[in-house]
Amino acid sequence: MTRIAHISDLHFGRSDPELLDPLIRALNAAKPDLVAATGDFTQRARRSQYRDARAFLDRLEAPWLSVPGNHDVSLDNLWLRFMRPYARYRKHIASDLLTVHEAEGFMAIGLNTVDRFRVQRGKVRRAQLHRACELLSQTDGIRVVLAHHPFEQDEDIKKSLMKHAHLGIEKLAECGVQLVLSGHLHRWRTEPFLSAKHGRQILQVHVGTGLSTRLRGQENDFALLDVSATTARVTRMVARGSNFEPAGVREFSFGTDGWHETGDTEAAGAASKSGTFTAEGREPPSETEGS
């Protein structure tokens, strides 16, 4: 069983300082095999905001993998945005824009979906999809993809779906991806893809914001995923006072026709009863545009 902690949209520069230590404590207590961070580390790509984001990452005890978000390229410095859009991200967060983490039993790949020519709408890059599939073909383990922008979103979302999103889902399904993690919308969603031909072969998890004060009607949260080749347990961790606590668990199994839900527990204490997760960690072995 592999555990992944999924965080997104920290937005240093517009974050809640009272949640910083609780989030770090919760992530370290969960003892994940990987922390997956799906972009928008900063609010306006300022150097000081990047320094705060890096300081946060350096306090994590688990390995982490990241992708940039649309807020991680400068909005007001047009020379920087168009000529060196990822310079600060590369300096402070990750030097590569297609990131890879491989460990026993799984491989995770981060895709850059930011489009410097759009304020918020992203795009899928065909060359990155091709390279990601080449790399994923080398593993027999769980295949995970990170992206800032969702490949699918609810009909009431006013933001534009990223360019080539449906093509991206199909391509990732063809190369055996089982999980896609994303953010951007500051909204929780966990379910198999519904709109694509092979969509049910991939389970999507997009989380809200871990630290931002722009909540858009939802709470600060992150996800804990306990996954194997045929099962997935997704626990939503929500900020409650000075802690992040379990606020619901969804369970899925994988068969010949893709992912299907096998359990859905919204009681806050459900995760601690599962035998897989406790608030202290694993149990012993046995905007409109511009937002």
Foldseek 3Di string as FASTA:
>chain_A
DFKEWEAEQCAQVFFDVLQLVQVQQQQQLAVGQEYEYAENQHQALDLVSLVVSLVSVVSHPHHYDYAYALNNFHDPPLCCLPPPRCPSVCVRPNVDRWDWDDDPQEIEIEHHFHDSVFQHATAHDPVSLVVLLVVLLVDPHAYEYEHAFALDDDPVDPDDHHYCSQVSQVSCVVSQHAEYEYERRLDWDWAFDDPHPLRQQYIYTYHHHQTGPPNVPDFRWIWMWDDGPFKIKIWIFGDDPSHTFTQWIWMWTQDPSHIDTDDIGRHRCPQVVPQAADSSHGDPPVPPRND
